[in-house]
C-alpha atoms as a PDB file:
ATOM      1  CA  MET A   1      40.346  66.550 174.824  1.00  0.00           C
ATOM      2  CA  GLU A   2      41.696  62.998 174.500  1.00  0.00           C
ATOM      3  CA  SER A   3      40.037  62.734 171.088  1.00  0.00           C
ATOM      4  CA  LEU A   4      42.624  65.212 169.792  1.00  0.00           C
ATOM      5  CA  PHE A   5      45.297  62.561 170.297  1.00  0.00           C
ATOM      6  CA  ALA A   6      43.308  59.537 169.064  1.00  0.00           C
ATOM      7  CA  ASP A   7      44.746  57.623 166.110  1.00  0.00           C
ATOM      8  CA  GLU A   8      41.986  58.848 163.811  1.00  0.00           C
ATOM      9  CA  ALA A   9      43.064  62.452 164.497  1.00  0.00           C
ATOM     10  CA  PHE A  10      46.295  61.812 162.559  1.00  0.00           C
ATOM     11  CA  ASP A  11      46.828  61.413 158.816  1.00  0.00           C
ATOM     12  CA  ARG A  12      46.489  57.677 158.297  1.00  0.00           C
ATOM     13  CA  ARG A  13      46.638  57.465 154.531  1.00  0.00           C
ATOM     14  CA  PRO A  14      49.200  55.054 153.062  1.00  0.00           C
ATOM     15  CA  HIS A  15      52.254  57.044 152.075  1.00  0.00           C
ATOM     16  CA  VAL A  16      56.016  57.088 151.605  1.00  0.00           C
ATOM     17  CA  ILE A  17      57.708  58.131 154.867  1.00  0.00           C
ATOM     18  CA  ALA A  18      61.169  58.386 153.312  1.00  0.00           C
ATOM     19  CA  PRO A  19      62.780  56.945 150.176  1.00  0.00           C
ATOM     20  CA  GLY A  20      62.454  53.183 150.656  1.00  0.00           C
ATOM     21  CA  ALA A  21      60.039  53.356 153.620  1.00  0.00           C
ATOM     22  CA  VAL A  22      56.272  52.969 153.256  1.00  0.00           C
ATOM     23  CA  TRP A  23      53.535  53.091 155.902  1.00  0.00           C
ATOM     24  CA  LEU A  24      50.337  51.130 155.218  1.00  0.00           C
ATOM     25  CA  PRO A  25      47.787  52.014 157.940  1.00  0.00           C
ATOM     26  CA  GLY A  26      44.999  49.501 158.465  1.00  0.00           C
ATOM     27  CA  PHE A  27      46.507  46.897 156.151  1.00  0.00           C
ATOM     28  CA  LEU A  28      45.172  43.961 158.200  1.00  0.00           C
ATOM     29  CA  ASP A  29      41.419  43.750 158.610  1.00  0.00           C
ATOM     30  CA  GLU A  30      39.753  42.701 161.861  1.00  0.00           C
ATOM     31  CA  ALA A  31      39.565  39.023 160.929  1.00  0.00           C
ATOM     32  CA  ALA A  32      43.242  38.878 159.952  1.00  0.00           C
ATOM     33  CA  GLN A  33      44.328  40.568 163.171  1.00  0.00           C
ATOM     34  CA  SER A  34      42.295  38.185 165.314  1.00  0.00           C
ATOM     35  CA  TRP A  35      43.609  35.164 163.423  1.00  0.00           C
ATOM     36  CA  ILE A  36      47.260  36.191 163.801  1.00  0.00           C
ATOM     37  CA  MET A  37      46.713  36.794 167.519  1.00  0.00           C
ATOM     38  CA  ARG A  38      45.460  33.234 167.820  1.00  0.00           C
ATOM     39  CA  GLN A  39      48.643  32.036 166.107  1.00  0.00           C
ATOM     40  CA  TYR A  40      50.671  33.973 168.656  1.00  0.00           C
ATOM     41  CA  ALA A  41      48.936  32.068 171.441  1.00  0.00           C
ATOM     42  CA  LYS A  42      50.116  28.845 169.783  1.00  0.00           C
ATOM     43  CA  TRP A  43      53.674  30.110 169.323  1.00  0.00           C
ATOM     44  CA  GLN A  44      53.849  30.866 173.037  1.00  0.00           C
ATOM     45  CA  SER A  45      53.672  27.163 173.826  1.00  0.00           C
ATOM     46  CA  GLY A  46      57.085  26.613 172.326  1.00  0.00           C
ATOM     47  CA  PRO A  47      59.246  24.709 171.725  1.00  0.00           C
ATOM     48  CA  VAL A  48      61.091  27.976 172.412  1.00  0.00           C
ATOM     49  CA  PRO A  49      59.052  30.237 174.706  1.00  0.00           C
ATOM     50  CA  ALA A  50      58.852  34.009 174.518  1.00  0.00           C
ATOM     51  CA  HIS A  51      62.027  35.313 176.101  1.00  0.00           C
ATOM     52  CA  ALA A  52      63.975  38.503 176.749  1.00  0.00           C
ATOM     53  CA  THR A  53      67.110  38.573 174.606  1.00  0.00           C
ATOM     54  CA  SER A  54      70.167  39.999 176.336  1.00  0.00           C
ATOM     55  CA  ILE A  55      72.326  42.656 174.722  1.00  0.00           C
ATOM     56  CA  ALA A  56      75.701  43.229 176.371  1.00  0.00           C
ATOM     57  CA  GLY A  57      74.384  41.428 179.436  1.00  0.00           C
ATOM     58  CA  HIS A  58      71.209  43.482 179.728  1.00  0.00           C
ATOM     59  CA  PRO A  59      67.827  41.869 178.984  1.00  0.00           C
ATOM     60  CA  MET A  60      65.602  43.696 176.523  1.00  0.00           C
ATOM     61  CA  SER A  61      62.212  44.882 177.769  1.00  0.00           C
ATOM     62  CA  VAL A  62      60.388  43.033 174.987  1.00  0.00           C
ATOM     63  CA  SER A  63      59.672  39.301 174.850  1.00  0.00           C
ATOM     64  CA  THR A  64      60.662  37.655 171.576  1.00  0.00           C
ATOM     65  CA  ILE A  65      59.632  34.542 169.679  1.00  0.00           C
ATOM     66  CA  GLY A  66      61.590  33.607 166.561  1.00  0.00           C
ATOM     67  CA  LEU A  67      60.055  31.772 163.606  1.00  0.00           C
ATOM     68  CA  GLY A  68      62.423  30.158 161.118  1.00  0.00           C
ATOM     69  CA  TRP A  69      65.524  31.352 162.948  1.00  0.00           C
ATOM     70  CA  HIS A  70      66.502  32.272 166.488  1.00  0.00           C
ATOM     71  CA  TRP A  71      68.081  35.704 166.772  1.00  0.00           C
ATOM     72  CA  GLN A  72      70.861  36.808 169.070  1.00  0.00           C
ATOM     73  CA  PRO A  73      72.816  40.022 168.532  1.00  0.00           C
ATOM     74  CA  GLY A  74      75.016  39.482 165.496  1.00  0.00           C
ATOM     75  CA  ARG A  75      73.832  35.969 164.690  1.00  0.00           C
ATOM     76  CA  TYR A  76      70.987  33.707 163.612  1.00  0.00           C
ATOM     77  CA  ASP A  77      70.699  30.051 164.596  1.00  0.00           C
ATOM     78  CA  ARG A  78      68.122  27.316 164.120  1.00  0.00           C
ATOM     79  CA  TYR A  79      68.440  26.534 167.829  1.00  0.00           C
ATOM     80  CA  ALA A  80      67.812  28.812 170.813  1.00  0.00           C
ATOM     81  CA  ARG A  81      71.129  28.078 172.466  1.00  0.00           C
ATOM     82  CA  ASP A  82      70.751  30.928 174.955  1.00  0.00           C
ATOM     83  CA  VAL A  83      67.241  29.875 176.039  1.00  0.00           C
ATOM     84  CA  ASN A  84      66.636  26.129 176.113  1.00  0.00           C
ATOM     85  CA  ASN A  85      68.670  24.743 173.182  1.00  0.00           C
ATOM     86  CA  GLU A  86      65.499  23.771 171.327  1.00  0.00           C
ATOM     87  CA  ARG A  87      64.954  24.232 167.596  1.00  0.00           C
ATOM     88  CA  VAL A  88      62.666  27.146 166.748  1.00  0.00           C
ATOM     89  CA  LEU A  89      59.362  26.780 164.934  1.00  0.00           C
ATOM     90  CA  SER A  90      59.476  26.848 161.139  1.00  0.00           C
ATOM     91  CA  PHE A  91      58.733  30.011 159.240  1.00  0.00           C
ATOM     92  CA  PRO A  92      55.110  29.570 158.093  1.00  0.00           C
ATOM     93  CA  ASP A  93      54.192  29.637 154.403  1.00  0.00           C
ATOM     94  CA  TRP A  94      51.293  31.988 155.066  1.00  0.00           C
ATOM     95  CA  MET A  95      53.770  34.634 156.230  1.00  0.00           C
ATOM     96  CA  ILE A  96      55.484  34.524 152.847  1.00  0.00           C
ATOM     97  CA  ARG A  97      52.156  35.071 151.107  1.00  0.00           C
ATOM     98  CA  LEU A  98      51.142  37.818 153.518  1.00  0.00           C
ATOM     99  CA  SER A  99      54.480  39.627 153.329  1.00  0.00           C
ATOM    100  CA  ARG A 100      54.298  39.600 149.531  1.00  0.00           C
ATOM    101  CA  GLN A 101      50.857  41.189 149.735  1.00  0.00           C
ATOM    102  CA  VAL A 102      52.328  43.908 151.948  1.00  0.00           C
ATOM    103  CA  VAL A 103      55.206  44.459 149.525  1.00  0.00           C
ATOM    104  CA  SER A 104      52.777  44.612 146.607  1.00  0.00           C
ATOM    105  CA  SER A 105      50.660  47.254 148.351  1.00  0.00           C
ATOM    106  CA  ALA A 106      53.783  49.231 149.245  1.00  0.00           C
ATOM    107  CA  ALA A 107      54.891  49.140 145.609  1.00  0.00           C
ATOM    108  CA  GLU A 108      51.518  50.554 144.547  1.00  0.00           C
ATOM    109  CA  VAL A 109      51.867  53.416 147.019  1.00  0.00           C
ATOM    110  CA  VAL A 110      55.364  54.172 145.732  1.00  0.00           C
ATOM    111  CA  THR A 111      54.200  54.061 142.109  1.00  0.00           C
ATOM    112  CA  ASP A 112      51.509  56.645 142.903  1.00  0.00           C
ATOM    113  CA  ASP A 113      53.914  58.867 144.838  1.00  0.00           C
ATOM    114  CA  PRO A 114      54.917  61.863 142.687  1.00  0.00           C
ATOM    115  CA  ASP A 115      58.193  62.325 144.567  1.00  0.00           C
ATOM    116  CA  SER A 116      59.459  58.768 144.037  1.00  0.00           C
ATOM    117  CA  PRO A 117      61.400  57.798 140.890  1.00  0.00           C
ATOM    118  CA  ASN A 118      59.578  55.739 138.274  1.00  0.00           C
ATOM    119  CA  ASP A 119      61.656  52.635 138.935  1.00  0.00           C
ATOM    120  CA  ALA A 120      61.596  53.018 142.733  1.00  0.00           C
ATOM    121  CA  PRO A 121      59.701  49.769 143.461  1.00  0.00           C
ATOM    122  CA  ARG A 122      62.400  47.757 141.704  1.00  0.00           C
ATOM    123  CA  LEU A 123      65.272  49.775 143.136  1.00  0.00           C
ATOM    124  CA  TRP A 124      63.867  49.478 146.665  1.00  0.00           C
ATOM    125  CA  GLY A 125      63.250  45.720 146.464  1.00  0.00           C
ATOM    126  CA  LEU A 126      59.467  46.096 146.374  1.00  0.00           C
ATOM    127  CA  VAL A 127      58.941  43.274 143.894  1.00  0.00           C
ATOM    128  CA  PRO A 128      56.498  40.848 145.536  1.00  0.00           C
ATOM    129  CA  GLU A 129      57.347  37.776 143.448  1.00  0.00           C
ATOM    130  CA  ASP A 130      61.023  38.154 144.401  1.00  0.00           C
ATOM    131  CA  TYR A 131      60.427  38.650 148.112  1.00  0.00           C
ATOM    132  CA  CYS A 132      61.242  35.484 150.083  1.00  0.00           C
ATOM    133  CA  PRO A 133      61.546  36.137 153.833  1.00  0.00           C
ATOM    134  CA  ASP A 134      62.692  33.248 155.997  1.00  0.00           C
ATOM    135  CA  VAL A 135      62.541  34.647 159.533  1.00  0.00           C
ATOM    136  CA  ALA A 136      60.043  36.504 161.685  1.00  0.00           C
ATOM    137  CA  LEU A 137      60.905  38.122 164.998  1.00  0.00           C
ATOM    138  CA  VAL A 138      57.708  38.420 167.019  1.00  0.00           C
ATOM    139  CA  ASN A 139      58.088  40.952 169.823  1.00  0.00           C
ATOM    140  CA  TYR A 140      55.593  41.484 172.623  1.00  0.00           C
ATOM    141  CA  TYR A 141      55.596  44.924 174.272  1.00  0.00           C
ATOM    142  CA  ASP A 142      53.881  45.411 177.612  1.00  0.00           C
ATOM    143  CA  ALA A 143      52.900  48.919 178.691  1.00  0.00           C
ATOM    144  CA  ARG A 144      56.438  49.729 179.869  1.00  0.00           C
ATOM    145  CA  ALA A 145      58.453  48.155 177.072  1.00  0.00           C
ATOM    146  CA  LYS A 146      60.517  50.157 174.607  1.00  0.00           C
ATOM    147  CA  MET A 147      63.158  49.489 171.999  1.00  0.00           C
ATOM    148  CA  GLY A 148      66.078  51.828 171.471  1.00  0.00           C
ATOM    149  CA  MET A 149      67.128  53.153 168.100  1.00  0.00           C
ATOM    150  CA  HIS A 150      68.951  50.446 166.170  1.00  0.00           C
ATOM    151  CA  GLN A 151      69.635  49.090 162.696  1.00  0.00           C
ATOM    152  CA  ASP A 152      68.518  45.681 161.423  1.00  0.00           C
ATOM    153  CA  LYS A 153      71.871  44.595 160.043  1.00  0.00           C
ATOM    154  CA  ASP A 154      72.363  40.960 161.034  1.00  0.00           C
ATOM    155  CA  GLU A 155      70.959  39.698 157.739  1.00  0.00           C
ATOM    156  CA  PHE A 156      73.196  38.855 154.781  1.00  0.00           C
ATOM    157  CA  ASP A 157      70.400  39.706 152.333  1.00  0.00           C
ATOM    158  CA  PRO A 158      69.364  43.401 152.142  1.00  0.00           C
ATOM    159  CA  ALA A 159      65.785  42.596 151.102  1.00  0.00           C
ATOM    160  CA  PRO A 160      63.164  44.847 152.728  1.00  0.00           C
ATOM    161  CA  VAL A 161      61.886  44.409 156.252  1.00  0.00           C
ATOM    162  CA  VAL A 162      58.117  43.952 156.527  1.00  0.00           C
ATOM    163  CA  SER A 163      56.525  44.902 159.846  1.00  0.00           C
ATOM    164  CA  LEU A 164      53.031  44.217 161.195  1.00  0.00           C
ATOM    165  CA  SER A 165      51.556  45.732 164.362  1.00  0.00           C
ATOM    166  CA  LEU A 166      48.833  44.295 166.600  1.00  0.00           C
ATOM    167  CA  GLY A 167      47.261  45.442 169.851  1.00  0.00           C
ATOM    168  CA  ASP A 168      47.926  48.804 171.472  1.00  0.00           C
ATOM    169  CA  THR A 169      49.297  51.628 169.359  1.00  0.00           C
ATOM    170  CA  CYS A 170      53.034  52.246 169.601  1.00  0.00           C
ATOM    171  CA  VAL A 171      55.048  55.371 168.905  1.00  0.00           C
ATOM    172  CA  PHE A 172      57.510  54.173 166.293  1.00  0.00           C
ATOM    173  CA  ARG A 173      60.506  56.368 165.529  1.00  0.00           C
ATOM    174  CA  PHE A 174      61.948  56.027 162.034  1.00  0.00           C
ATOM    175  CA  GLY A 175      65.238  57.792 161.487  1.00  0.00           C
ATOM    176  CA  ASN A 176      68.173  58.076 159.134  1.00  0.00           C
ATOM    177  CA  THR A 177      70.927  55.661 158.134  1.00  0.00           C
ATOM    178  CA  ILE A 178      73.800  57.671 159.661  1.00  0.00           C
ATOM    179  CA  ASN A 179      73.059  57.888 163.378  1.00  0.00           C
ATOM    180  CA  ARG A 180      70.329  57.810 166.031  1.00  0.00           C
ATOM    181  CA  ASN A 181      69.816  61.556 165.962  1.00  0.00           C
ATOM    182  CA  ARG A 182      67.607  63.749 163.816  1.00  0.00           C
ATOM    183  CA  PRO A 183      66.216  63.697 161.251  1.00  0.00           C
ATOM    184  CA  PHE A 184      63.609  61.165 162.353  1.00  0.00           C
ATOM    185  CA  GLU A 185      59.843  60.889 162.322  1.00  0.00           C
ATOM    186  CA  ASP A 186      57.567  59.567 165.063  1.00  0.00           C
ATOM    187  CA  ILE A 187      54.713  57.469 163.695  1.00  0.00           C
ATOM    188  CA  ARG A 188      51.759  56.031 165.575  1.00  0.00           C
ATOM    189  CA  LEU A 189      51.521  52.417 164.431  1.00  0.00           C
ATOM    190  CA  ALA A 190      48.069  51.098 165.298  1.00  0.00           C
ATOM    191  CA  SER A 191      46.719  47.560 165.324  1.00  0.00           C
ATOM    192  CA  GLY A 192      46.601  46.263 161.763  1.00  0.00           C
ATOM    193  CA  ASP A 193      49.205  48.668 160.353  1.00  0.00           C
ATOM    194  CA  ALA A 194      52.019  47.480 158.109  1.00  0.00           C
ATOM    195  CA  PHE A 195      55.358  49.199 157.543  1.00  0.00           C
ATOM    196  CA  VAL A 196      58.012  48.345 154.953  1.00  0.00           C
ATOM    197  CA  PHE A 197      61.567  49.613 154.662  1.00  0.00           C
ATOM    198  CA  GLY A 198      64.093  48.619 152.035  1.00  0.00           C
ATOM    199  CA  GLY A 199      66.426  50.106 149.461  1.00  0.00           C
ATOM    200  CA  PRO A 200      67.942  53.370 150.739  1.00  0.00           C
ATOM    201  CA  ALA A 201      66.002  53.014 154.016  1.00  0.00           C
ATOM    202  CA  ARG A 202      66.917  49.382 154.719  1.00  0.00           C
ATOM    203  CA  PHE A 203      69.520  50.279 157.345  1.00  0.00           C
ATOM    204  CA  ALA A 204      67.749  53.266 158.848  1.00  0.00           C
ATOM    205  CA  TYR A 205      67.830  53.533 162.629  1.00  0.00           C
ATOM    206  CA  HIS A 206      64.431  52.892 164.182  1.00  0.00           C
ATOM    207  CA  GLY A 207      62.878  52.063 167.536  1.00  0.00           C
ATOM    208  CA  VAL A 208      59.750  52.000 169.675  1.00  0.00           C
ATOM    209  CA  MET A 209      59.509  54.972 172.016  1.00  0.00           C
ATOM    210  CA  SER A 210      56.367  53.989 173.921  1.00  0.00           C
ATOM    211  CA  ILE A 211      53.185  51.954 174.015  1.00  0.00           C
ATOM    212  CA  ARG A 212      49.909  53.875 174.240  1.00  0.00           C
ATOM    213  CA  GLU A 213      47.922  51.906 176.805  1.00  0.00           C
ATOM    214  CA  ASP A 214      44.314  50.890 176.112  1.00  0.00           C
ATOM    215  CA  THR A 215      44.360  52.094 172.508  1.00  0.00           C
ATOM    216  CA  ALA A 216      43.750  48.707 170.881  1.00  0.00           C
ATOM    217  CA  PRO A 217      40.393  48.201 169.167  1.00  0.00           C
ATOM    218  CA  VAL A 218      38.109  45.560 170.638  1.00  0.00           C
ATOM    219  CA  HIS A 219      39.212  42.955 168.085  1.00  0.00           C
ATOM    220  CA  GLY A 220      42.874  43.793 168.723  1.00  0.00           C
ATOM    221  CA  ARG A 221      42.984  43.695 172.500  1.00  0.00           C
ATOM    222  CA  LEU A 222      45.629  41.460 174.046  1.00  0.00           C
ATOM    223  CA  ASP A 223      43.723  40.856 177.267  1.00  0.00           C
ATOM    224  CA  PRO A 224      45.257  37.390 177.915  1.00  0.00           C
ATOM    225  CA  LEU A 225      48.659  39.123 178.005  1.00  0.00           C
ATOM    226  CA  GLY A 226      47.470  42.044 180.101  1.00  0.00           C
ATOM    227  CA  GLY A 227      47.295  44.413 177.135  1.00  0.00           C
ATOM    228  CA  GLY A 228      50.228  45.810 175.197  1.00  0.00           C
ATOM    229  CA  GLY A 229      51.226  45.265 171.594  1.00  0.00           C
ATOM    230  CA  ILE A 230      52.812  42.750 169.257  1.00  0.00           C
ATOM    231  CA  ASN A 231      55.145  43.611 166.414  1.00  0.00           C
ATOM    232  CA  ILE A 232      56.140  41.077 163.776  1.00  0.00           C
ATOM    233  CA  THR A 233      59.101  41.817 161.522  1.00  0.00           C
ATOM    234  CA  MET A 234      59.840  39.573 158.580  1.00  0.00           C
ATOM    235  CA  ARG A 235      63.285  39.599 156.981  1.00  0.00           C
ATOM    236  CA  THR A 236      65.451  37.563 154.613  1.00  0.00           C
ATOM    237  CA  THR A 237      68.527  36.283 156.424  1.00  0.00           C
ATOM    238  CA  GLY A 238      70.450  35.131 153.357  1.00  0.00           C
ATOM    239  CA  ARG A 239      71.622  32.167 155.395  1.00  0.00           C
ATOM    240  CA  ALA A 240      71.355  28.488 154.501  1.00  0.00           C
END
């Protein structure tokens, strides 16, 4: 019976979720997933450790590491002034290359989509050579962690957001740009999946409803962390 709800039981072909939003299942191969997980182990050692950001005095259930910039609600800073006042790690060059590969693949999916306009890749910011992210927010979700519906709107530059998932599958809710209510779609993001949203979807509400325990493939298991999942979102802050 459980096989009915396994990831492979769902349609996992790359496709356009909504205008501006593209899901790329299985974008990262096993070797890439394992390598990025090893980088996460290095990021954990600091100088700014994984931490729970507080929103209106309430700590989030995810643990965050910032690369390039440190995020607090409504602001970006080079220093983690609410954690230990240390400067965050630099945004790695390989993330720029990888994010451009994701954007390129998303543009191909959009080009092949009969319901998307001919110039959609350009209109939606899916031009890989122009994509220059400068921050990554790396969130670790344990089995109980969630993230409420929200908009990514603290960036000055409306370039697309590129997301990568590792570890256990999460139920990712992608909604509309007006409010947190319907219409929305729940998507099972598995280890290795990429998701891009820009253009008319750039400020869509989205969140993580749950983590599906023990769903990670062998190469994607986060055993040193006790399981769970990692999500990396790359953005362009537009800040100097």
